[in-house]
């Protein structure tokens, strides 16, 4: 390595050592899993090192902000990948739709349209539940209590049942 590259690496090491413990603590608070937090910090630190080689960080604060922003996006990506894995594992692509499943599909479309009529928080919580998340996971994601999520689920489901019932009555009156 050249003298300049050595100097950049030493500057980064010094900056990194000054923020490492605070960054790891923040990551553990974000994901509530020390092993996952360490992996995320290593990944983001590597990206920061590569960024530092291109454009050096001015100070600790600049590096800390870069890493915390990276951790936030890494957390979002990890939640999305969990949801995708859950959705993929619940799908079966080899099934041929039967008339009953086609009726279920029509019913599902009705349910989806009625969900749009719910208040935003109830709608968001129901969607996350349908995505396979537990009340505890949703509470962590939305930074609220699990009891609040359960309450939103209960009221959202009750309102959804009411809306679907009204739609069924309207459909029967038309027939």
N, C-alpha and C. Protein backbone atom coordinates (compact mmCIF):
# COMPACT_ATOMS: atom_id res chain seq x y z
N UNK A 1 0.84 -1.19 0.00
CA UNK A 1 0.00 0.00 0.00
C UNK A 1 0.88 1.25 0.00
N UNK A 2 0.30 2.30 -0.51
CA UNK A 2 1.04 3.55 -0.53
C UNK A 2 0.94 4.22 0.84
N UNK A 3 1.76 5.21 1.02
CA UNK A 3 1.78 5.94 2.29
C UNK A 3 0.43 6.62 2.53
N UNK A 4 -0.17 7.15 1.46
CA UNK A 4 -1.48 7.81 1.58
C UNK A 4 -2.56 6.81 1.99
N UNK A 5 -2.55 5.62 1.39
CA UNK A 5 -3.53 4.58 1.74
C UNK A 5 -3.33 4.14 3.19
N UNK A 6 -2.09 4.00 3.61
CA UNK A 6 -1.81 3.64 5.00
C UNK A 6 -2.36 4.70 5.95
N UNK A 7 -2.18 5.95 5.58
CA UNK A 7 -2.66 7.06 6.43
C UNK A 7 -4.18 7.05 6.51
N UNK A 8 -4.85 6.81 5.38
CA UNK A 8 -6.32 6.76 5.38
C UNK A 8 -6.81 5.60 6.24
N UNK A 9 -6.15 4.45 6.14
CA UNK A 9 -6.54 3.28 6.94
C UNK A 9 -6.35 3.58 8.43
N UNK A 10 -5.26 4.22 8.78
CA UNK A 10 -5.01 4.57 10.19
C UNK A 10 -6.02 5.61 10.68
N UNK A 11 -6.36 6.58 9.84
CA UNK A 11 -7.37 7.59 10.22
C UNK A 11 -8.72 6.91 10.46
N UNK A 12 -9.07 5.98 9.57
CA UNK A 12 -10.35 5.29 9.74
C UNK A 12 -10.35 4.46 11.01
N UNK A 13 -9.27 3.73 11.27
CA UNK A 13 -9.18 2.91 12.48
C UNK A 13 -9.35 3.77 13.73
N UNK A 14 -8.72 4.92 13.76
CA UNK A 14 -8.84 5.83 14.90
C UNK A 14 -10.28 6.32 15.05
N UNK A 15 -10.89 6.72 13.94
CA UNK A 15 -12.28 7.17 14.00
C UNK A 15 -13.21 6.04 14.43
N UNK A 16 -12.99 4.86 13.86
CA UNK A 16 -13.85 3.71 14.15
C UNK A 16 -13.79 3.35 15.63
N UNK A 17 -12.59 3.31 16.19
CA UNK A 17 -12.44 2.96 17.61
C UNK A 17 -13.16 3.96 18.52
N UNK A 18 -13.27 5.20 18.07
CA UNK A 18 -13.94 6.22 18.89
C UNK A 18 -15.46 6.08 18.89
N UNK A 19 -16.04 5.41 17.88
CA UNK A 19 -17.51 5.30 17.80
C UNK A 19 -18.02 3.86 17.91
N UNK A 20 -17.13 2.88 17.90
CA UNK A 20 -17.54 1.48 17.81
C UNK A 20 -18.53 1.06 18.90
N UNK A 21 -18.25 1.34 20.16
CA UNK A 21 -19.12 0.86 21.24
C UNK A 21 -20.50 1.51 21.17
N UNK A 22 -20.56 2.80 20.83
CA UNK A 22 -21.86 3.47 20.73
C UNK A 22 -22.68 2.93 19.54
N UNK A 23 -22.00 2.64 18.46
CA UNK A 23 -22.68 2.11 17.28
C UNK A 23 -23.23 0.71 17.56
N UNK A 24 -22.44 -0.13 18.22
CA UNK A 24 -22.91 -1.48 18.54
C UNK A 24 -24.11 -1.41 19.49
N UNK A 25 -24.06 -0.53 20.47
CA UNK A 25 -25.19 -0.38 21.40
C UNK A 25 -26.44 0.06 20.64
N UNK A 26 -26.29 0.97 19.71
CA UNK A 26 -27.44 1.43 18.91
C UNK A 26 -27.99 0.28 18.07
N UNK A 27 -27.12 -0.52 17.50
CA UNK A 27 -27.57 -1.65 16.67
C UNK A 27 -28.32 -2.67 17.51
N UNK A 28 -27.84 -2.95 18.71
CA UNK A 28 -28.53 -3.90 19.59
C UNK A 28 -29.92 -3.36 19.95
N UNK A 29 -30.02 -2.06 20.20
CA UNK A 29 -31.34 -1.47 20.49
C UNK A 29 -32.27 -1.57 19.28
N UNK A 30 -31.72 -1.43 18.09
CA UNK A 30 -32.55 -1.51 16.88
C UNK A 30 -33.12 -2.90 16.65
N UNK A 31 -32.28 -3.92 16.76
CA UNK A 31 -32.73 -5.26 16.37
C UNK A 31 -32.97 -6.20 17.54
N UNK A 32 -32.55 -5.82 18.73
CA UNK A 32 -32.75 -6.62 19.95
C UNK A 32 -32.17 -8.03 19.84
N UNK A 33 -31.09 -8.14 19.08
CA UNK A 33 -30.41 -9.42 18.91
C UNK A 33 -28.92 -9.12 18.77
N UNK A 34 -28.12 -9.40 19.80
CA UNK A 34 -26.70 -9.03 19.76
C UNK A 34 -25.93 -9.63 18.59
N UNK A 35 -26.22 -10.87 18.23
CA UNK A 35 -25.49 -11.49 17.10
C UNK A 35 -25.80 -10.81 15.78
N UNK A 36 -27.08 -10.58 15.55
CA UNK A 36 -27.48 -9.88 14.33
C UNK A 36 -26.92 -8.46 14.33
N UNK A 37 -26.92 -7.82 15.48
CA UNK A 37 -26.39 -6.45 15.60
C UNK A 37 -24.90 -6.42 15.23
N UNK A 38 -24.13 -7.38 15.72
CA UNK A 38 -22.70 -7.43 15.38
C UNK A 38 -22.50 -7.62 13.88
N UNK A 39 -23.29 -8.51 13.28
CA UNK A 39 -23.18 -8.72 11.83
C UNK A 39 -23.49 -7.44 11.07
N UNK A 40 -24.54 -6.77 11.49
CA UNK A 40 -24.92 -5.53 10.81
C UNK A 40 -23.83 -4.47 10.96
N UNK A 41 -23.27 -4.35 12.15
CA UNK A 41 -22.22 -3.35 12.38
C UNK A 41 -21.00 -3.66 11.53
N UNK A 42 -20.62 -4.94 11.43
CA UNK A 42 -19.48 -5.30 10.59
C UNK A 42 -19.73 -4.96 9.13
N UNK A 43 -20.92 -5.26 8.66
CA UNK A 43 -21.27 -4.96 7.27
C UNK A 43 -21.21 -3.46 7.01
N UNK A 44 -21.82 -2.70 7.89
CA UNK A 44 -21.86 -1.25 7.70
C UNK A 44 -20.47 -0.64 7.88
N UNK A 45 -19.67 -1.18 8.80
CA UNK A 45 -18.30 -0.68 9.00
C UNK A 45 -17.45 -0.91 7.75
N UNK A 46 -17.64 -2.06 7.11
CA UNK A 46 -16.91 -2.33 5.88
C UNK A 46 -17.30 -1.32 4.80
N UNK A 47 -18.58 -1.04 4.70
CA UNK A 47 -19.03 -0.04 3.72
C UNK A 47 -18.45 1.33 4.04
N UNK A 48 -18.38 1.64 5.35
CA UNK A 48 -17.81 2.92 5.76
C UNK A 48 -16.32 2.99 5.40
N UNK A 49 -15.60 1.89 5.59
CA UNK A 49 -14.18 1.87 5.23
C UNK A 49 -14.00 2.11 3.74
N UNK A 50 -14.82 1.44 2.94
CA UNK A 50 -14.73 1.64 1.48
C UNK A 50 -15.06 3.08 1.11
N UNK A 51 -16.08 3.66 1.78
CA UNK A 51 -16.44 5.05 1.53
C UNK A 51 -15.28 5.97 1.96
N UNK A 52 -14.64 5.66 3.08
CA UNK A 52 -13.54 6.48 3.60
C UNK A 52 -12.36 6.50 2.63
N UNK A 53 -12.15 5.39 1.93
CA UNK A 53 -11.05 5.36 0.95
C UNK A 53 -11.33 6.29 -0.22
N UNK A 54 -12.61 6.44 -0.58
CA UNK A 54 -12.98 7.31 -1.69
C UNK A 54 -13.03 8.76 -1.24
N UNK A 55 -13.73 8.99 -0.15
CA UNK A 55 -13.89 10.35 0.38
C UNK A 55 -13.80 10.28 1.90
N UNK A 56 -12.67 10.65 2.47
CA UNK A 56 -12.47 10.51 3.93
C UNK A 56 -13.52 11.25 4.75
N UNK A 57 -13.88 10.64 5.88
CA UNK A 57 -14.81 11.27 6.81
C UNK A 57 -14.10 12.43 7.50
N UNK A 58 -14.84 13.51 7.73
CA UNK A 58 -14.24 14.71 8.33
C UNK A 58 -13.94 14.52 9.80
N UNK A 59 -14.88 13.85 10.50
CA UNK A 59 -14.71 13.70 11.94
C UNK A 59 -15.56 12.53 12.44
N UNK A 60 -15.55 12.30 13.76
CA UNK A 60 -16.31 11.20 14.36
C UNK A 60 -17.79 11.31 14.05
N UNK A 61 -18.31 12.51 14.16
CA UNK A 61 -19.75 12.71 13.96
C UNK A 61 -20.17 12.32 12.54
N UNK A 62 -19.36 12.69 11.56
CA UNK A 62 -19.65 12.35 10.16
C UNK A 62 -19.68 10.83 9.98
N UNK A 63 -18.70 10.13 10.55
CA UNK A 63 -18.65 8.67 10.47
C UNK A 63 -19.84 8.06 11.21
N UNK A 64 -20.13 8.55 12.41
CA UNK A 64 -21.23 8.01 13.21
C UNK A 64 -22.56 8.14 12.48
N UNK A 65 -22.81 9.31 11.87
CA UNK A 65 -24.05 9.50 11.12
C UNK A 65 -24.13 8.55 9.93
N UNK A 66 -23.01 8.37 9.22
CA UNK A 66 -22.97 7.46 8.08
C UNK A 66 -23.33 6.04 8.53
N UNK A 67 -22.73 5.60 9.62
CA UNK A 67 -22.95 4.23 10.10
C UNK A 67 -24.36 4.05 10.63
N UNK A 68 -24.87 5.01 11.39
CA UNK A 68 -26.24 4.88 11.91
C UNK A 68 -27.27 4.87 10.79
N UNK A 69 -27.05 5.67 9.77
CA UNK A 69 -27.95 5.65 8.61
C UNK A 69 -27.89 4.29 7.93
N UNK A 70 -26.69 3.74 7.80
CA UNK A 70 -26.53 2.40 7.21
C UNK A 70 -27.21 1.33 8.06
N UNK A 71 -27.09 1.45 9.38
CA UNK A 71 -27.75 0.48 10.28
C UNK A 71 -29.26 0.54 10.14
N UNK A 72 -29.78 1.74 10.03
CA UNK A 72 -31.23 1.88 9.89
C UNK A 72 -31.71 1.18 8.63
N UNK A 73 -31.03 1.40 7.51
CA UNK A 73 -31.45 0.77 6.26
C UNK A 73 -31.22 -0.74 6.31
N UNK A 74 -30.16 -1.16 6.97
CA UNK A 74 -29.89 -2.60 7.11
C UNK A 74 -30.99 -3.26 7.94
N UNK A 75 -31.49 -2.57 8.97
CA UNK A 75 -32.59 -3.08 9.80
C UNK A 75 -33.85 -3.24 8.96
N UNK A 76 -34.17 -2.23 8.18
CA UNK A 76 -35.34 -2.29 7.31
C UNK A 76 -35.21 -3.46 6.34
N UNK A 77 -34.04 -3.63 5.74
CA UNK A 77 -33.82 -4.74 4.82
C UNK A 77 -34.00 -6.08 5.52
N UNK A 78 -33.53 -6.18 6.76
CA UNK A 78 -33.66 -7.47 7.45
C UNK A 78 -35.12 -7.78 7.74
N UNK A 79 -35.92 -6.78 8.14
CA UNK A 79 -37.35 -7.01 8.35
C UNK A 79 -38.04 -7.40 7.05
N UNK A 80 -37.66 -6.75 5.96
CA UNK A 80 -38.27 -7.08 4.67
C UNK A 80 -37.92 -8.50 4.24
N UNK A 81 -36.68 -8.91 4.45
CA UNK A 81 -36.30 -10.26 4.03
C UNK A 81 -37.02 -11.31 4.87
N UNK A 82 -37.23 -11.04 6.15
CA UNK A 82 -38.00 -11.96 6.99
C UNK A 82 -39.41 -12.09 6.46
N UNK A 83 -40.03 -10.96 6.13
CA UNK A 83 -41.40 -10.99 5.60
C UNK A 83 -41.46 -11.73 4.27
N UNK A 84 -40.46 -11.51 3.41
CA UNK A 84 -40.43 -12.21 2.12
C UNK A 84 -40.29 -13.71 2.31
N UNK A 85 -39.42 -14.12 3.23
CA UNK A 85 -39.25 -15.56 3.48
C UNK A 85 -40.54 -16.18 3.98
N UNK A 86 -41.24 -15.47 4.86
CA UNK A 86 -42.50 -15.98 5.37
C UNK A 86 -43.53 -16.09 4.25
N UNK A 87 -43.59 -15.07 3.41
CA UNK A 87 -44.55 -15.09 2.30
C UNK A 87 -44.21 -16.19 1.31
N UNK A 88 -42.92 -16.35 0.99
CA UNK A 88 -42.51 -17.38 0.03
C UNK A 88 -42.78 -18.78 0.56
N UNK A 89 -42.59 -18.99 1.85
CA UNK A 89 -42.80 -20.33 2.39
C UNK A 89 -44.28 -20.69 2.46
N UNK A 90 -45.16 -19.69 2.48
CA UNK A 90 -46.59 -19.98 2.56
C UNK A 90 -47.24 -20.15 1.19
N UNK A 91 -46.52 -19.82 0.13
CA UNK A 91 -47.08 -19.94 -1.23
C UNK A 91 -46.86 -21.33 -1.79
N UNK A 92 -47.85 -21.78 -2.56
CA UNK A 92 -47.69 -23.00 -3.35
C UNK A 92 -48.07 -22.66 -4.77
N UNK A 93 -47.13 -22.83 -5.69
CA UNK A 93 -47.37 -22.39 -7.06
C UNK A 93 -47.89 -23.50 -7.96
N UNK A 94 -47.92 -24.75 -7.49
CA UNK A 94 -48.31 -25.86 -8.34
C UNK A 94 -49.81 -26.15 -8.30
N UNK A 95 -50.56 -25.41 -7.52
CA UNK A 95 -51.99 -25.69 -7.40
C UNK A 95 -52.77 -25.10 -8.57
N UNK A 96 -53.76 -25.85 -9.03
CA UNK A 96 -54.66 -25.35 -10.07
C UNK A 96 -55.87 -24.78 -9.36
N UNK A 97 -56.24 -23.53 -9.68
CA UNK A 97 -57.36 -22.93 -8.97
C UNK A 97 -58.67 -23.67 -9.24
N UNK A 98 -59.37 -23.97 -8.19
CA UNK A 98 -60.68 -24.61 -8.31
C UNK A 98 -61.75 -23.52 -8.25
N UNK A 99 -63.01 -23.87 -8.60
CA UNK A 99 -64.07 -22.86 -8.48
C UNK A 99 -64.16 -22.31 -7.06
N UNK A 100 -63.96 -23.16 -6.06
CA UNK A 100 -64.02 -22.67 -4.67
C UNK A 100 -62.91 -21.67 -4.41
N UNK A 101 -61.70 -21.94 -4.96
CA UNK A 101 -60.60 -21.01 -4.72
C UNK A 101 -60.82 -19.72 -5.51
N UNK A 102 -61.53 -19.82 -6.65
CA UNK A 102 -61.85 -18.60 -7.39
C UNK A 102 -62.84 -17.74 -6.60
N UNK A 103 -63.80 -18.39 -5.94
CA UNK A 103 -64.72 -17.65 -5.08
C UNK A 103 -63.95 -17.03 -3.92
N UNK A 104 -63.01 -17.77 -3.39
CA UNK A 104 -62.18 -17.26 -2.30
C UNK A 104 -61.38 -16.06 -2.78
N UNK A 105 -60.92 -16.11 -4.03
CA UNK A 105 -60.16 -15.00 -4.59
C UNK A 105 -61.02 -13.74 -4.69
N UNK A 106 -62.28 -13.92 -5.13
CA UNK A 106 -63.21 -12.78 -5.20
C UNK A 106 -63.43 -12.22 -3.80
N UNK A 107 -63.64 -13.13 -2.84
CA UNK A 107 -63.84 -12.70 -1.45
C UNK A 107 -62.61 -11.95 -0.94
N UNK A 108 -61.42 -12.48 -1.26
CA UNK A 108 -60.18 -11.84 -0.83
C UNK A 108 -60.06 -10.44 -1.41
N UNK A 109 -60.43 -10.27 -2.67
CA UNK A 109 -60.41 -8.94 -3.29
C UNK A 109 -61.35 -7.99 -2.56
N UNK A 110 -62.53 -8.51 -2.15
CA UNK A 110 -63.46 -7.69 -1.37
C UNK A 110 -62.83 -7.27 -0.04
N UNK A 111 -62.17 -8.23 0.61
CA UNK A 111 -61.54 -7.94 1.90
C UNK A 111 -60.46 -6.87 1.72
N UNK A 112 -59.64 -7.02 0.69
CA UNK A 112 -58.57 -6.05 0.45
C UNK A 112 -59.15 -4.66 0.21
N UNK A 113 -60.22 -4.58 -0.55
CA UNK A 113 -60.82 -3.25 -0.79
C UNK A 113 -61.41 -2.67 0.49
N UNK A 114 -61.95 -3.52 1.35
CA UNK A 114 -62.51 -3.03 2.62
C UNK A 114 -61.41 -2.62 3.60
N UNK A 115 -60.27 -3.27 3.53
CA UNK A 115 -59.15 -2.88 4.39
C UNK A 115 -58.75 -1.43 4.11
N UNK A 116 -58.84 -1.02 2.86
CA UNK A 116 -58.49 0.35 2.49
C UNK A 116 -59.40 1.38 3.17
N UNK A 117 -60.58 0.96 3.60
CA UNK A 117 -61.51 1.88 4.26
C UNK A 117 -61.21 2.06 5.74
N UNK A 118 -60.34 1.23 6.29
CA UNK A 118 -60.00 1.32 7.72
C UNK A 118 -59.09 2.51 7.98
N UNK A 119 -59.05 2.98 9.23
CA UNK A 119 -58.08 4.03 9.59
C UNK A 119 -56.65 3.54 9.33
N UNK A 120 -55.75 4.46 9.08
CA UNK A 120 -54.39 4.13 8.66
C UNK A 120 -53.67 3.18 9.62
N UNK A 121 -53.70 3.43 10.91
CA UNK A 121 -52.96 2.57 11.86
C UNK A 121 -53.52 1.16 11.88
N UNK A 122 -54.85 1.03 11.87
CA UNK A 122 -55.46 -0.31 11.85
C UNK A 122 -55.09 -1.02 10.56
N UNK A 123 -55.14 -0.29 9.46
CA UNK A 123 -54.80 -0.85 8.14
C UNK A 123 -53.34 -1.33 8.13
N UNK A 124 -52.42 -0.51 8.64
CA UNK A 124 -51.01 -0.89 8.66
C UNK A 124 -50.77 -2.14 9.52
N UNK A 125 -51.39 -2.19 10.69
CA UNK A 125 -51.20 -3.32 11.59
C UNK A 125 -51.78 -4.60 10.97
N UNK A 126 -52.95 -4.50 10.35
CA UNK A 126 -53.53 -5.67 9.70
C UNK A 126 -52.65 -6.17 8.55
N UNK A 127 -52.13 -5.26 7.76
CA UNK A 127 -51.26 -5.66 6.65
C UNK A 127 -50.01 -6.37 7.16
N UNK A 128 -49.41 -5.84 8.21
CA UNK A 128 -48.22 -6.48 8.77
C UNK A 128 -48.56 -7.86 9.33
N UNK A 129 -49.74 -7.98 9.94
CA UNK A 129 -50.18 -9.28 10.45
C UNK A 129 -50.36 -10.27 9.31
N UNK A 130 -50.99 -9.81 8.23
CA UNK A 130 -51.16 -10.67 7.06
C UNK A 130 -49.81 -11.04 6.44
N UNK A 131 -48.81 -10.17 6.63
CA UNK A 131 -47.46 -10.43 6.13
C UNK A 131 -46.71 -11.45 6.97
N UNK A 132 -47.32 -11.89 8.08
CA UNK A 132 -46.71 -12.93 8.88
C UNK A 132 -46.02 -12.45 10.15
N UNK A 133 -46.09 -11.15 10.44
CA UNK A 133 -45.46 -10.64 11.64
C UNK A 133 -46.34 -10.88 12.86
N UNK A 134 -45.71 -11.11 14.01
CA UNK A 134 -46.44 -11.25 15.27
C UNK A 134 -46.69 -9.87 15.85
N UNK A 135 -47.57 -9.81 16.85
CA UNK A 135 -47.87 -8.52 17.50
C UNK A 135 -46.61 -7.93 18.10
N UNK A 136 -45.78 -8.76 18.67
CA UNK A 136 -44.53 -8.27 19.28
C UNK A 136 -43.60 -7.69 18.21
N UNK A 137 -43.47 -8.37 17.07
CA UNK A 137 -42.61 -7.87 16.00
C UNK A 137 -43.15 -6.55 15.42
N UNK A 138 -44.47 -6.48 15.29
CA UNK A 138 -45.08 -5.25 14.77
C UNK A 138 -44.84 -4.11 15.76
N UNK A 139 -44.98 -4.39 17.05
CA UNK A 139 -44.77 -3.36 18.07
C UNK A 139 -43.33 -2.84 18.01
N UNK A 140 -42.37 -3.73 17.83
CA UNK A 140 -40.98 -3.30 17.72
C UNK A 140 -40.78 -2.45 16.47
N UNK A 141 -41.39 -2.87 15.40
CA UNK A 141 -41.24 -2.16 14.12
C UNK A 141 -41.87 -0.76 14.17
N UNK A 142 -43.03 -0.65 14.83
CA UNK A 142 -43.73 0.62 14.89
C UNK A 142 -43.43 1.40 16.17
N UNK A 143 -42.51 0.89 16.95
CA UNK A 143 -42.07 1.52 18.20
C UNK A 143 -43.26 1.85 19.09
N UNK A 144 -43.99 0.82 19.47
CA UNK A 144 -45.13 0.97 20.37
C UNK A 144 -45.24 -0.30 21.20
N UNK A 145 -46.23 -0.35 22.07
CA UNK A 145 -46.40 -1.50 22.95
C UNK A 145 -47.16 -2.62 22.23
N UNK A 146 -46.86 -3.89 22.56
CA UNK A 146 -47.61 -5.00 21.97
C UNK A 146 -49.11 -4.92 22.31
N UNK A 147 -49.44 -4.41 23.49
CA UNK A 147 -50.86 -4.29 23.86
C UNK A 147 -51.58 -3.31 22.93
N UNK A 148 -50.89 -2.26 22.50
CA UNK A 148 -51.48 -1.31 21.55
C UNK A 148 -51.74 -2.00 20.22
N UNK A 149 -50.79 -2.81 19.80
CA UNK A 149 -50.95 -3.54 18.53
C UNK A 149 -52.12 -4.51 18.62
N UNK A 150 -52.22 -5.23 19.75
CA UNK A 150 -53.35 -6.17 19.91
C UNK A 150 -54.68 -5.43 19.89
N UNK A 151 -54.72 -4.26 20.51
CA UNK A 151 -55.94 -3.45 20.51
C UNK A 151 -56.29 -3.00 19.08
N UNK A 152 -55.28 -2.52 18.36
CA UNK A 152 -55.51 -2.10 16.96
C UNK A 152 -55.98 -3.28 16.11
N UNK A 153 -55.39 -4.45 16.34
CA UNK A 153 -55.82 -5.65 15.60
C UNK A 153 -57.27 -6.00 15.92
N UNK A 154 -57.62 -5.99 17.20
CA UNK A 154 -58.97 -6.35 17.62
C UNK A 154 -60.00 -5.37 17.02
N UNK A 155 -59.74 -4.07 17.14
CA UNK A 155 -60.70 -3.10 16.60
C UNK A 155 -60.72 -3.11 15.08
N UNK A 156 -59.54 -3.30 14.48
CA UNK A 156 -59.47 -3.36 13.01
C UNK A 156 -60.21 -4.56 12.45
N UNK A 157 -60.04 -5.71 13.10
CA UNK A 157 -60.75 -6.91 12.65
C UNK A 157 -62.25 -6.77 12.82
N UNK A 158 -62.68 -6.21 13.96
CA UNK A 158 -64.12 -6.02 14.20
C UNK A 158 -64.71 -5.09 13.13
N UNK A 159 -64.01 -4.00 12.85
CA UNK A 159 -64.49 -3.05 11.84
C UNK A 159 -64.49 -3.71 10.46
N UNK A 160 -63.48 -4.53 10.17
CA UNK A 160 -63.41 -5.22 8.88
C UNK A 160 -64.57 -6.20 8.72
N UNK A 161 -64.88 -6.95 9.79
CA UNK A 161 -66.03 -7.88 9.76
C UNK A 161 -67.31 -7.10 9.49
N UNK A 162 -67.45 -5.96 10.13
CA UNK A 162 -68.63 -5.12 9.93
C UNK A 162 -68.72 -4.64 8.48
N UNK A 163 -67.60 -4.16 7.93
CA UNK A 163 -67.58 -3.68 6.55
C UNK A 163 -67.88 -4.80 5.55
N UNK A 164 -67.31 -5.98 5.79
CA UNK A 164 -67.55 -7.12 4.89
C UNK A 164 -69.00 -7.56 4.98
N UNK A 165 -69.55 -7.57 6.20
CA UNK A 165 -70.96 -7.93 6.37
C UNK A 165 -71.88 -6.99 5.62
N UNK A 166 -71.59 -5.68 5.67
CA UNK A 166 -72.38 -4.70 4.93
C UNK A 166 -72.28 -4.95 3.43
N UNK A 167 -71.09 -5.30 2.95
CA UNK A 167 -70.90 -5.57 1.53
C UNK A 167 -71.67 -6.81 1.10
N UNK A 168 -71.70 -7.85 1.97
CA UNK A 168 -72.45 -9.07 1.66
C UNK A 168 -73.95 -8.78 1.56
N UNK A 169 -74.46 -7.96 2.49
CA UNK A 169 -75.89 -7.60 2.45
C UNK A 169 -76.22 -6.84 1.19
N UNK A 170 -75.35 -5.90 0.79
CA UNK A 170 -75.58 -5.14 -0.44
C UNK A 170 -75.58 -6.07 -1.66
N UNK A 171 -74.67 -7.05 -1.69
CA UNK A 171 -74.57 -7.98 -2.80
C UNK A 171 -75.85 -8.83 -2.88
N UNK A 172 -76.35 -9.29 -1.74
CA UNK A 172 -77.57 -10.11 -1.71
C UNK A 172 -78.77 -9.30 -2.17
N UNK A 173 -78.83 -8.04 -1.79
CA UNK A 173 -79.97 -7.19 -2.20
C UNK A 173 -79.95 -7.00 -3.72
N UNK A 174 -78.78 -6.91 -4.31
CA UNK A 174 -78.68 -6.72 -5.77
C UNK A 174 -79.08 -7.99 -6.52
N UNK A 175 -78.86 -9.15 -5.92
CA UNK A 175 -79.17 -10.41 -6.60
C UNK A 175 -80.60 -10.69 -6.49
